[in-house]
Amino acid sequence: MSAPIEEIQLAKTAEVAPNVVEKTSSSRNSTSAVDEKLSQPVRTSYPGLTGFFHWHEPGTSKEEKRLIFKLDWFLLSYSCLCFFVKWLDSNNVTNAYASGMKEELGFGPGNELTWMNTFFNAGQLIGAPFANLIITVIRPRYWLPSCLLCWSLFVLFLYKCNTAHQFYALRFCIGLFESAAWPGIEYTLGSWYRKSEIARRSALFVISGVLGQMFSGYLQSALYSGMNGRGGLSAWRWLFIFDFILAVPIAIYGMLCHPDTPHQSNAWYLNEWERNRAKERIEEEGRKPVGKLDWTVFKRVATSWQLYCFVIGYALWSLTVGSLVLQYFTLYLKQTGYFTIPQINNIPTAIGAVNFFTMIITGYVADKIGNRGPVCLAVGLILTVCYAILSAWDVPHGLKMVVFIACGTYGCFTPLLAGWCNETCGGDQQKRAFILGLMTSVGPAVQIPFQQLQFPSSQAPHFKSTHGWPSALAFVVLLTLWTGFGIPTIQKAMQKRVQTDEHQSEYEAET
């Protein structure tokens, strides 16, 4: 039936029975969302190895590839540089501690290194949820670089510290401002990239943090060899000064080149078509920004399944103390007495190398299969074996070295969970931002007491009396089961429920 005839019939029906027309119109509106999805182009897949290693979706136009290239060049590059500095500053205390700070300041018996980590985590705990709500109000190009400058200033002040309490205060301030980095950058990446693109970009972003960990060791090693005693300062004090110098140009770069988010961007390097296409790309995936920052955000978050799934997942990941394995490996190498200080700083960077390749591989696999559960399960099984060996502890030195390094596979859980959260929260930007921030907050919240009780630095690296490694093994098993089976099962159930509600609404509209 042609459109004009249909309209005439509807008009005639309206004269006799207006309620029938109203129901017909309602039925049309209820199915508009379905029609819109059906009207979207069907994307095919690349064959063979090309499909596995592709960087763009099949059928992507030349103009859109140029848009993605610009995002990778400016947004992703700043994100990587910022996260590089974040982890450089997070890990520098460990390298300084192992390179003369402990002896010069008389640290050790009072678990000072553990308390430095605790105060840092406390700052992150307080700052993360609020920092990621602020980013929905203040443009990311101003907010994120400003936080970078603030925490870098506190890092600089560390070189003047002579007491543990001075370190505690500054580490708290560093953690407070650093809390904006990971969730804020994940939020902006999730605002620009498609579901099939984000896992690899998130992996590259987190990899930059791994490189920051590695570079901190190399930098401290070089400073110990070439700067120790220069200007009357020990090498470990120079580390904090150099970290600040590296951060300043990156913050300036962010203020000049960060594109904000698609619906508010006026980036100088994007033309009008690219700005419009960036909005369309996200809206085509059902992630058009909706909602606003008001009191309803708490209800929207509290009633969402994403809150509980991903916060629990990130909390379990934090309780494995995977992010601190590099620190414990450093302390183990120092305890053996087999290695020089430069070697103690350099050897643990092998954990970062494993982390690097694991994130690349898992990011590609997750994007290719469109499912993160099996990837989490596979990595979780590897970590289970590693932690089981560390729990036994009485194994040959060579095997222990291999296991410590293999624990570097832990890092891929961060981009996998963040990307998973980004894609499932749809267009509710406040909910997405708050959950990402809360993940960063709850992680340190549960890690603080666990680290103090199970992994005090005075008991490193065996932690025999506190049963550190066996307790962490239990959380590795829980993490593996939750991310491998729990979250996928809940996600499927909620998607089925949404589909049922949509069909029910269509039926009610038709009748």
Protein backbone atom coordinates (compact mmCIF):
# COMPACT_ATOMS: atom_id res chain seq x y z
CA MET A 1 0.00 0.00 0.00
CA SER A 2 1.37 3.41 -0.97
CA ALA A 3 2.05 6.05 1.65
CA PRO A 4 -0.64 8.58 0.41
CA ILE A 5 -3.39 5.92 0.41
CA GLU A 6 -2.38 4.82 3.90
CA GLU A 7 -2.59 8.42 5.15
CA ILE A 8 -6.07 8.90 3.61
CA GLN A 9 -7.31 5.74 5.28
CA LEU A 10 -5.91 6.82 8.65
CA ALA A 11 -7.61 10.19 8.29
CA LYS A 12 -10.94 8.58 7.51
CA THR A 13 -10.54 6.25 10.45
CA ALA A 14 -9.82 9.21 12.70
CA GLU A 15 -13.23 10.71 11.87
CA VAL A 16 -14.98 7.54 13.06
CA ALA A 17 -12.68 6.18 15.74
CA PRO A 18 -9.88 8.53 16.91
CA ASN A 19 -8.68 6.01 19.46
CA VAL A 20 -7.81 3.55 16.71
CA VAL A 21 -5.57 6.14 15.02
CA GLU A 22 -3.88 6.87 18.32
CA LYS A 23 -3.09 3.19 18.85
CA THR A 24 -1.78 2.86 15.29
CA SER A 25 0.48 5.88 15.77
CA SER A 26 1.69 4.51 19.09
CA SER A 27 2.48 1.20 17.44
CA ARG A 28 4.59 2.97 14.86
CA ASN A 29 6.54 4.86 17.50
CA SER A 30 7.18 1.71 19.51
CA THR A 31 8.75 -0.01 16.53
CA SER A 32 10.75 2.98 15.32
CA ALA A 33 13.79 1.99 17.38
CA VAL A 34 13.72 -1.51 15.88
CA ASP A 35 13.32 -0.10 12.36
CA GLU A 36 16.25 2.23 12.96
CA LYS A 37 18.48 -0.67 13.98
CA LEU A 38 17.38 -2.69 10.94
CA SER A 39 18.13 0.25 8.65
CA GLN A 40 21.75 0.45 9.79
CA PRO A 41 24.29 -1.05 7.37
CA VAL A 42 25.23 -4.64 8.01
CA ARG A 43 28.98 -4.88 8.50
CA THR A 44 30.78 -7.90 7.17
CA SER A 45 34.03 -9.29 8.50
CA TYR A 46 37.47 -9.55 7.01
CA PRO A 47 38.64 -13.08 6.16
CA GLY A 48 41.55 -14.93 7.72
CA LEU A 49 44.46 -13.13 9.33
CA THR A 50 43.32 -9.82 7.85
CA GLY A 51 40.18 -10.10 9.95
CA PHE A 52 42.16 -10.74 13.09
CA PHE A 53 44.57 -7.85 12.69
CA HIS A 54 42.25 -5.26 11.14
CA TRP A 55 42.35 -1.76 12.64
CA HIS A 56 39.04 -0.53 11.20
CA GLU A 57 35.62 -2.10 10.73
CA PRO A 58 34.93 -3.59 7.28
CA GLY A 59 33.41 -1.06 4.90
CA THR A 60 34.89 1.96 6.66
CA SER A 61 35.19 4.87 4.24
CA LYS A 62 38.41 6.69 3.51
CA GLU A 63 37.07 9.80 5.26
CA GLU A 64 36.14 7.87 8.39
CA LYS A 65 39.54 6.17 8.47
CA ARG A 66 41.06 9.64 8.45
CA LEU A 67 38.85 10.59 11.40
CA ILE A 68 39.95 7.49 13.33
CA PHE A 69 43.58 8.25 12.48
CA LYS A 70 43.22 11.74 13.97
CA LEU A 71 41.63 10.31 17.12
CA ASP A 72 44.43 7.78 17.45
CA TRP A 73 47.06 10.45 16.85
CA PHE A 74 45.75 13.07 19.28
CA LEU A 75 43.30 11.48 21.77
CA LEU A 76 44.99 8.11 22.10
CA SER A 77 48.49 9.55 22.12
CA TYR A 78 47.68 11.98 24.94
CA SER A 79 45.88 9.22 26.84
CA CYS A 80 48.93 6.97 26.56
CA LEU A 81 51.37 9.72 27.58
CA CYS A 82 49.25 10.73 30.56
CA PHE A 83 48.92 7.14 31.76
CA PHE A 84 52.64 6.62 31.19
CA VAL A 85 53.36 9.47 33.62
CA LYS A 86 50.73 8.22 36.06
CA TRP A 87 52.38 4.82 36.43
CA LEU A 88 55.83 6.35 36.36
CA ASP A 89 54.79 8.42 39.40
CA SER A 90 52.94 5.52 41.04
CA ASN A 91 55.95 3.23 40.89
CA ASN A 92 58.79 5.67 41.53
CA VAL A 93 58.60 5.26 45.32
CA THR A 94 59.33 1.54 45.01
CA ASN A 95 62.39 2.18 42.84
CA ALA A 96 63.57 4.93 45.18
CA TYR A 97 63.02 2.66 48.20
CA ALA A 98 65.20 -0.05 46.66
CA SER A 99 67.87 2.40 45.50
CA GLY A 100 69.06 3.98 48.72
CA MET A 101 66.03 5.73 50.25
CA LYS A 102 65.43 2.94 52.75
CA GLU A 103 68.98 3.07 54.06
CA GLU A 104 69.39 6.86 53.95
CA LEU A 105 66.18 7.56 55.87
CA GLY A 106 66.23 4.47 58.10
CA PHE A 107 63.05 2.88 56.69
CA GLY A 108 62.12 -0.80 56.90
CA PRO A 109 60.99 -1.98 60.33
CA GLY A 110 57.78 0.09 60.33
CA ASN A 111 56.32 -1.01 56.97
CA GLU A 112 56.87 2.50 55.61
CA LEU A 113 56.64 1.41 51.96
CA THR A 114 53.33 -0.32 52.61
CA TRP A 115 51.99 2.81 54.29
CA MET A 116 53.10 4.95 51.35
CA ASN A 117 50.99 2.73 49.11
CA THR A 118 48.11 2.85 51.59
CA PHE A 119 47.97 6.65 51.69
CA PHE A 120 48.22 6.76 47.90
CA ASN A 121 45.28 4.34 47.62
CA ALA A 122 43.31 6.37 50.17
CA GLY A 123 43.65 9.44 47.95
CA GLN A 124 42.40 7.47 44.95
CA LEU A 125 39.52 6.06 46.97
CA ILE A 126 38.24 9.52 47.84
CA GLY A 127 38.88 11.24 44.53
CA ALA A 128 37.87 8.79 41.79
CA PRO A 129 34.03 8.88 41.79
CA PHE A 130 33.87 12.68 42.09
CA ALA A 131 36.64 13.21 39.54
CA ASN A 132 34.74 11.26 36.92
CA LEU A 133 31.50 13.13 37.56
CA ILE A 134 33.34 16.43 37.26
CA ILE A 135 34.57 15.40 33.82
CA THR A 136 30.96 15.36 32.58
CA VAL A 137 30.74 19.08 33.51
CA ILE A 138 34.27 20.43 32.93
CA ARG A 139 35.77 19.76 29.52
CA PRO A 140 38.27 16.84 29.61
CA ARG A 141 40.92 18.94 27.82
CA TYR A 142 41.08 21.21 30.86
CA TRP A 143 40.29 18.77 33.67
CA LEU A 144 42.68 15.91 32.89
CA PRO A 145 45.83 17.98 32.16
CA SER A 146 45.15 20.14 35.24
CA CYS A 147 45.04 17.05 37.43
CA LEU A 148 48.26 15.85 35.80
CA LEU A 149 50.01 19.11 36.66
CA CYS A 150 48.75 19.03 40.26
CA TRP A 151 49.91 15.50 41.07
CA SER A 152 53.23 16.11 39.30
CA LEU A 153 53.90 19.09 41.58
CA PHE A 154 53.39 16.85 44.61
CA VAL A 155 55.75 14.30 43.04
CA LEU A 156 58.37 17.04 42.73
CA PHE A 157 58.02 17.86 46.44
CA LEU A 158 58.94 14.26 47.30
CA TYR A 159 62.58 15.00 46.63
CA LYS A 160 62.63 17.20 49.75
CA CYS A 161 61.17 14.57 52.10
CA ASN A 162 63.18 13.28 55.05
CA THR A 163 60.52 11.60 57.19
CA ALA A 164 57.93 8.91 56.55
CA HIS A 165 55.04 11.22 57.48
CA GLN A 166 56.06 13.71 54.81
CA PHE A 167 55.92 10.90 52.25
CA TYR A 168 52.50 9.81 53.53
CA ALA A 169 50.98 13.29 53.13
CA LEU A 170 52.36 13.83 49.65
CA ARG A 171 51.47 10.34 48.47
CA PHE A 172 47.86 10.95 49.57
CA CYS A 173 47.74 14.15 47.50
CA ILE A 174 49.28 12.38 44.52
CA GLY A 175 46.67 9.63 44.71
CA LEU A 176 43.85 12.19 45.05
CA PHE A 177 44.67 13.89 41.75
CA GLU A 178 45.88 10.74 39.98
CA SER A 179 42.44 9.24 40.62
CA ALA A 180 41.12 11.30 37.70
CA ALA A 181 43.48 9.71 35.16
CA TRP A 182 42.35 6.13 34.58
CA PRO A 183 38.55 6.50 34.77
CA GLY A 184 38.64 9.89 33.04
CA ILE A 185 40.64 8.62 30.09
CA GLU A 186 38.57 5.44 29.82
CA TYR A 187 35.47 7.65 29.83
CA THR A 188 36.74 9.77 26.93
CA LEU A 189 37.91 6.74 24.94
CA GLY A 190 34.46 5.21 25.40
CA SER A 191 32.92 8.44 24.12
CA TRP A 192 34.72 8.25 20.75
CA TYR A 193 35.39 4.61 19.81
CA ARG A 194 33.02 1.88 18.70
CA LYS A 195 32.54 -1.39 20.54
CA SER A 196 34.70 -3.20 17.96
CA GLU A 197 37.49 -0.62 18.34
CA ILE A 198 37.70 0.11 22.05
CA ALA A 199 39.32 -3.04 23.47
CA ARG A 200 42.50 -2.57 21.44
CA ARG A 201 42.65 1.16 22.16
CA SER A 202 42.07 0.55 25.87
CA ALA A 203 44.81 -2.07 25.81
CA LEU A 204 47.27 0.33 24.18
CA PHE A 205 46.32 2.99 26.71
CA VAL A 206 46.94 0.69 29.68
CA ILE A 207 50.12 -0.64 28.04
CA SER A 208 51.51 2.89 28.26
CA GLY A 209 51.18 2.58 32.04
CA VAL A 210 53.14 -0.66 31.90
CA LEU A 211 55.84 1.13 29.94
CA GLY A 212 55.80 3.80 32.65
CA GLN A 213 56.51 1.11 35.24
CA MET A 214 59.35 -0.22 33.14
CA PHE A 215 60.79 3.21 32.39
CA SER A 216 60.79 4.10 36.08
CA GLY A 217 63.16 1.21 36.70
CA TYR A 218 65.42 2.12 33.81
CA LEU A 219 65.42 5.80 34.81
CA GLN A 220 66.31 5.04 38.41
CA SER A 221 69.06 2.69 37.24
CA ALA A 222 70.52 5.40 34.99
CA LEU A 223 70.25 8.06 37.69
CA TYR A 224 71.95 5.76 40.22
CA SER A 225 74.86 5.32 37.83
CA GLY A 226 75.15 8.90 36.59
CA MET A 227 73.48 11.36 38.98
CA ASN A 228 74.11 9.99 42.46
CA GLY A 229 75.59 12.80 44.53
CA ARG A 230 75.11 15.48 41.87
CA GLY A 231 74.03 18.77 43.41
CA GLY A 232 74.33 17.18 46.82
CA LEU A 233 71.31 14.96 46.10
CA SER A 234 71.03 11.18 46.17
CA ALA A 235 69.97 9.41 42.98
CA TRP A 236 66.55 8.52 44.39
CA ARG A 237 65.80 12.22 44.96
CA TRP A 238 66.71 13.04 41.35
CA LEU A 239 64.10 10.49 40.23
CA PHE A 240 61.23 12.65 41.53
CA ILE A 241 62.68 15.77 39.86
CA PHE A 242 62.99 14.08 36.47
CA ASP A 243 59.45 12.67 36.74
CA PHE A 244 58.09 16.21 37.14
CA ILE A 245 60.11 17.51 34.18
CA LEU A 246 58.65 14.76 31.96
CA ALA A 247 55.06 15.59 32.97
CA VAL A 248 54.94 19.31 32.15
CA PRO A 249 55.06 19.14 28.31
CA ILE A 250 52.51 16.30 28.31
CA ALA A 251 50.04 18.43 30.30
CA ILE A 252 50.51 21.31 27.84
CA TYR A 253 49.99 18.93 24.92
CA GLY A 254 46.72 17.73 26.46
CA MET A 255 45.32 21.24 26.87
CA LEU A 256 46.10 22.01 23.23
CA CYS A 257 45.12 18.75 21.53
CA HIS A 258 42.58 16.78 23.61
CA PRO A 259 39.31 16.65 21.58
CA ASP A 260 36.94 16.53 24.62
CA THR A 261 33.90 14.35 23.67
CA PRO A 262 32.07 14.10 20.31
CA HIS A 263 29.04 16.18 21.32
CA GLN A 264 31.12 19.05 22.73
CA SER A 265 34.28 18.94 20.62
CA ASN A 266 35.68 21.96 18.82
CA ALA A 267 39.12 20.40 18.24
CA TRP A 268 41.10 22.43 15.73
CA TYR A 269 42.15 19.36 13.73
CA LEU A 270 38.60 18.03 13.09
CA ASN A 271 36.52 19.46 10.25
CA GLU A 272 32.73 19.78 10.35
CA TRP A 273 32.07 16.46 8.61
CA GLU A 274 34.39 14.62 11.02
CA ARG A 275 32.68 16.16 14.06
CA ASN A 276 29.26 15.12 12.77
CA ARG A 277 30.45 11.65 11.81
CA ALA A 278 32.00 11.17 15.26
CA LYS A 279 28.57 11.80 16.80
CA GLU A 280 26.87 9.48 14.32
CA ARG A 281 29.31 6.64 15.01
CA ILE A 282 28.43 6.59 18.69
CA GLU A 283 24.71 7.14 18.14
CA GLU A 284 24.60 4.21 15.68
CA GLU A 285 25.69 1.98 18.55
CA GLY A 286 22.90 3.21 20.83
CA ARG A 287 25.25 5.36 22.91
CA LYS A 288 23.88 8.82 22.21
CA PRO A 289 24.41 10.87 25.40
CA VAL A 290 21.26 10.84 27.53
CA GLY A 291 20.47 11.85 31.08
CA LYS A 292 21.98 14.71 33.02
CA LEU A 293 23.99 15.32 36.14
CA ASP A 294 21.30 15.60 38.82
CA TRP A 295 20.03 13.58 41.76
CA THR A 296 18.56 10.92 39.46
CA VAL A 297 22.07 9.74 38.60
CA PHE A 298 22.25 7.86 41.90
CA LYS A 299 19.05 5.97 41.14
CA ARG A 300 20.18 5.24 37.59
CA VAL A 301 23.47 3.87 38.89
CA ALA A 302 22.12 1.98 41.90
CA THR A 303 19.52 0.10 39.82
CA SER A 304 21.96 -0.87 37.06
CA TRP A 305 23.45 -4.35 36.81
CA GLN A 306 26.71 -2.83 35.48
CA LEU A 307 27.44 -1.23 38.85
CA TYR A 308 27.59 -4.50 40.74
CA CYS A 309 29.18 -6.63 38.03
CA PHE A 310 32.09 -4.38 37.17
CA VAL A 311 32.75 -2.94 40.63
CA ILE A 312 32.89 -6.46 42.08
CA GLY A 313 35.12 -7.56 39.21
CA TYR A 314 37.55 -4.69 39.71
CA ALA A 315 37.54 -5.22 43.48
CA LEU A 316 38.47 -8.88 43.02
CA TRP A 317 41.22 -7.85 40.61
CA SER A 318 42.58 -5.39 43.20
CA LEU A 319 42.56 -8.07 45.90
CA THR A 320 44.90 -10.22 43.82
CA VAL A 321 47.48 -7.41 44.42
CA GLY A 322 48.58 -7.97 40.83
CA SER A 323 49.51 -4.32 40.47
CA LEU A 324 51.99 -4.73 43.35
CA VAL A 325 53.69 -7.90 42.09
CA LEU A 326 56.43 -5.81 40.49
CA GLN A 327 57.12 -4.26 43.88
CA TYR A 328 57.30 -7.66 45.59
CA PHE A 329 59.55 -9.00 42.84
CA THR A 330 61.88 -6.04 43.40
CA LEU A 331 62.03 -6.77 47.12
CA TYR A 332 62.64 -10.48 46.42
CA LEU A 333 65.60 -9.69 44.16
CA LYS A 334 67.07 -7.43 46.82
CA GLN A 335 66.64 -10.09 49.52
CA THR A 336 68.50 -12.75 47.54
CA GLY A 337 71.71 -10.69 47.55
CA TYR A 338 72.56 -11.95 44.07
CA PHE A 339 71.96 -8.71 42.18
CA THR A 340 73.31 -5.16 41.99
CA ILE A 341 71.04 -2.14 42.46
CA PRO A 342 70.84 -1.44 38.69
CA GLN A 343 69.86 -5.08 38.14
CA ILE A 344 67.25 -4.88 40.90
CA ASN A 345 65.70 -1.92 39.05
CA ASN A 346 65.98 -3.43 35.57
CA ILE A 347 65.01 -7.12 35.95
CA PRO A 348 61.41 -6.51 37.17
CA THR A 349 60.68 -4.58 34.00
CA ALA A 350 60.30 -8.01 32.35
CA ILE A 351 56.88 -8.10 34.07
CA GLY A 352 55.99 -5.04 32.01
CA ALA A 353 57.09 -6.78 28.81
CA VAL A 354 54.76 -9.71 29.54
CA ASN A 355 52.01 -7.25 30.38
CA PHE A 356 52.60 -5.45 27.09
CA PHE A 357 52.20 -8.50 24.86
CA THR A 358 49.32 -9.90 26.90
CA MET A 359 47.31 -6.69 26.51
CA ILE A 360 47.96 -6.52 22.77
CA ILE A 361 46.86 -10.13 22.25
CA THR A 362 43.82 -10.05 24.56
CA GLY A 363 42.67 -6.71 23.12
CA TYR A 364 42.71 -8.07 19.59
CA VAL A 365 41.06 -11.35 20.56
CA ALA A 366 38.31 -9.59 22.54
CA ASP A 367 37.53 -7.27 19.62
CA LYS A 368 37.63 -10.14 17.13
CA ILE A 369 35.28 -12.52 18.96
CA GLY A 370 33.17 -9.73 20.47
CA ASN A 371 33.25 -11.45 23.86
CA ARG A 372 35.44 -10.69 26.87
CA GLY A 373 34.41 -13.60 29.11
CA PRO A 374 36.52 -16.33 27.45
CA VAL A 375 39.56 -14.02 27.36
CA CYS A 376 39.25 -13.28 31.09
CA LEU A 377 38.86 -16.99 31.80
CA ALA A 378 42.03 -17.90 29.88
CA VAL A 379 44.15 -15.24 31.59
CA GLY A 380 42.66 -16.13 34.97
CA LEU A 381 43.76 -19.75 34.58
CA ILE A 382 47.34 -18.63 33.86
CA LEU A 383 47.34 -16.44 36.97
CA THR A 384 45.91 -19.27 39.05
CA VAL A 385 48.92 -21.45 38.20
CA CYS A 386 51.35 -18.60 38.96
CA TYR A 387 49.80 -17.78 42.33
CA ALA A 388 49.63 -21.45 43.28
CA ILE A 389 53.41 -21.73 42.77
CA LEU A 390 54.03 -18.54 44.79
CA SER A 391 51.83 -19.95 47.54
CA ALA A 392 53.99 -23.05 47.68
CA TRP A 393 57.10 -20.78 47.63
CA ASP A 394 59.66 -23.54 48.26
CA VAL A 395 60.50 -23.96 44.59
CA PRO A 396 63.77 -23.42 42.68
CA HIS A 397 64.96 -19.84 42.31
CA GLY A 398 64.71 -19.98 38.50
CA LEU A 399 61.08 -21.13 38.58
CA LYS A 400 60.22 -18.39 41.06
CA MET A 401 61.74 -15.79 38.72
CA VAL A 402 59.69 -17.13 35.80
CA VAL A 403 56.47 -17.12 37.84
CA PHE A 404 56.96 -13.55 39.06
CA ILE A 405 57.48 -12.41 35.48
CA ALA A 406 54.49 -14.44 34.19
CA CYS A 407 52.28 -12.62 36.69
CA GLY A 408 52.52 -9.71 34.26
CA THR A 409 49.49 -11.19 32.50
CA TYR A 410 47.33 -9.65 35.26
CA GLY A 411 47.21 -6.20 33.61
CA CYS A 412 44.85 -7.08 30.76
CA PHE A 413 41.90 -7.24 33.18
CA THR A 414 41.93 -3.43 33.45
CA PRO A 415 41.23 -2.60 29.76
CA LEU A 416 38.92 -5.60 29.40
CA LEU A 417 36.70 -4.57 32.32
CA ALA A 418 36.79 -0.88 31.39
CA GLY A 419 35.88 -1.55 27.76
CA TRP A 420 33.17 -3.96 28.87
CA CYS A 421 31.68 -1.28 31.12
CA ASN A 422 31.92 1.41 28.41
CA GLU A 423 30.03 -0.59 25.83
CA THR A 424 27.25 -1.88 28.12
CA CYS A 425 26.32 1.43 29.77
CA GLY A 426 24.92 2.80 26.52
CA GLY A 427 24.42 6.55 26.26
CA ASP A 428 24.04 7.30 29.97
CA GLN A 429 27.29 9.22 30.29
CA GLN A 430 26.86 10.01 33.98
CA LYS A 431 26.24 6.35 34.83
CA ARG A 432 29.21 5.28 32.74
CA ALA A 433 31.46 7.90 34.27
CA PHE A 434 30.38 7.21 37.84
CA ILE A 435 30.80 3.43 37.56
CA LEU A 436 34.27 3.78 36.02
CA GLY A 437 35.21 6.16 38.83
CA LEU A 438 33.72 3.89 41.48
CA MET A 439 35.73 0.96 40.13
CA THR A 440 38.88 2.98 40.70
CA SER A 441 37.67 3.93 44.18
CA VAL A 442 36.48 0.54 45.45
CA GLY A 443 39.65 -1.18 44.20
CA PRO A 444 41.95 0.73 46.60
CA ALA A 445 39.28 0.62 49.33
CA VAL A 446 39.41 -3.16 49.54
CA GLN A 447 43.12 -3.33 48.80
CA ILE A 448 44.18 -1.08 51.69
CA PRO A 449 43.25 -3.40 54.60
CA PHE A 450 44.14 -6.51 52.59
CA GLN A 451 47.62 -5.21 51.82
CA GLN A 452 48.23 -4.11 55.39
CA LEU A 453 47.16 -7.45 56.85
CA GLN A 454 48.38 -9.90 54.21
CA PHE A 455 51.24 -8.11 52.43
CA PRO A 456 53.10 -5.83 54.89
CA SER A 457 56.45 -4.80 53.45
CA SER A 458 58.29 -6.01 56.58
CA GLN A 459 57.22 -9.57 55.68
CA ALA A 460 58.19 -9.33 52.00
CA PRO A 461 58.66 -11.21 49.80
CA HIS A 462 57.50 -14.52 51.32
CA PHE A 463 54.65 -13.22 53.53
CA LYS A 464 54.68 -16.60 55.24
CA SER A 465 53.30 -15.58 58.63
CA THR A 466 50.48 -13.53 57.05
CA HIS A 467 49.58 -16.18 54.42
CA GLY A 468 49.72 -13.48 51.74
CA TRP A 469 50.09 -15.53 48.59
CA PRO A 470 47.48 -18.22 49.46
CA SER A 471 44.90 -15.53 50.28
CA ALA A 472 45.64 -13.74 46.99
CA LEU A 473 45.28 -17.08 45.18
CA ALA A 474 41.73 -17.38 46.53
CA PHE A 475 40.85 -14.02 45.01
CA VAL A 476 42.47 -14.97 41.69
CA VAL A 477 40.15 -18.00 41.52
CA LEU A 478 37.12 -15.84 42.37
CA LEU A 479 38.15 -13.25 39.76
CA THR A 480 38.49 -15.96 37.11
CA LEU A 481 35.05 -17.41 37.84
CA TRP A 482 33.33 -14.03 38.10
CA THR A 483 34.69 -12.56 34.86
CA GLY A 484 34.71 -15.85 32.95
CA PHE A 485 31.20 -17.00 33.87
CA GLY A 486 29.44 -14.61 36.27
CA ILE A 487 29.38 -11.34 34.30
CA PRO A 488 28.61 -13.00 30.91
CA THR A 489 25.70 -14.92 32.46
CA ILE A 490 24.22 -11.80 34.07
CA GLN A 491 24.72 -9.76 30.89
CA LYS A 492 22.87 -12.34 28.78
CA ALA A 493 20.04 -12.51 31.32
CA MET A 494 19.65 -8.71 31.37
CA GLN A 495 19.75 -8.48 27.56
CA LYS A 496 17.06 -11.15 27.34
CA ARG A 497 14.99 -9.24 29.88
CA VAL A 498 15.29 -6.01 27.86
CA GLN A 499 14.23 -7.81 24.68
CA THR A 500 11.25 -9.32 26.48
CA ASP A 501 10.21 -5.89 27.77
CA GLU A 502 10.50 -4.43 24.26
CA HIS A 503 8.30 -7.19 22.78
CA GLN A 504 5.79 -6.70 25.59
CA SER A 505 5.66 -2.96 24.90
CA GLU A 506 5.12 -3.58 21.19
CA TYR A 507 2.32 -6.05 21.93
CA GLU A 508 0.59 -3.64 24.31
CA ALA A 509 0.87 -0.83 21.75
CA GLU A 510 -0.67 -2.98 19.02
CA THR A 511 -3.58 -4.06 21.20
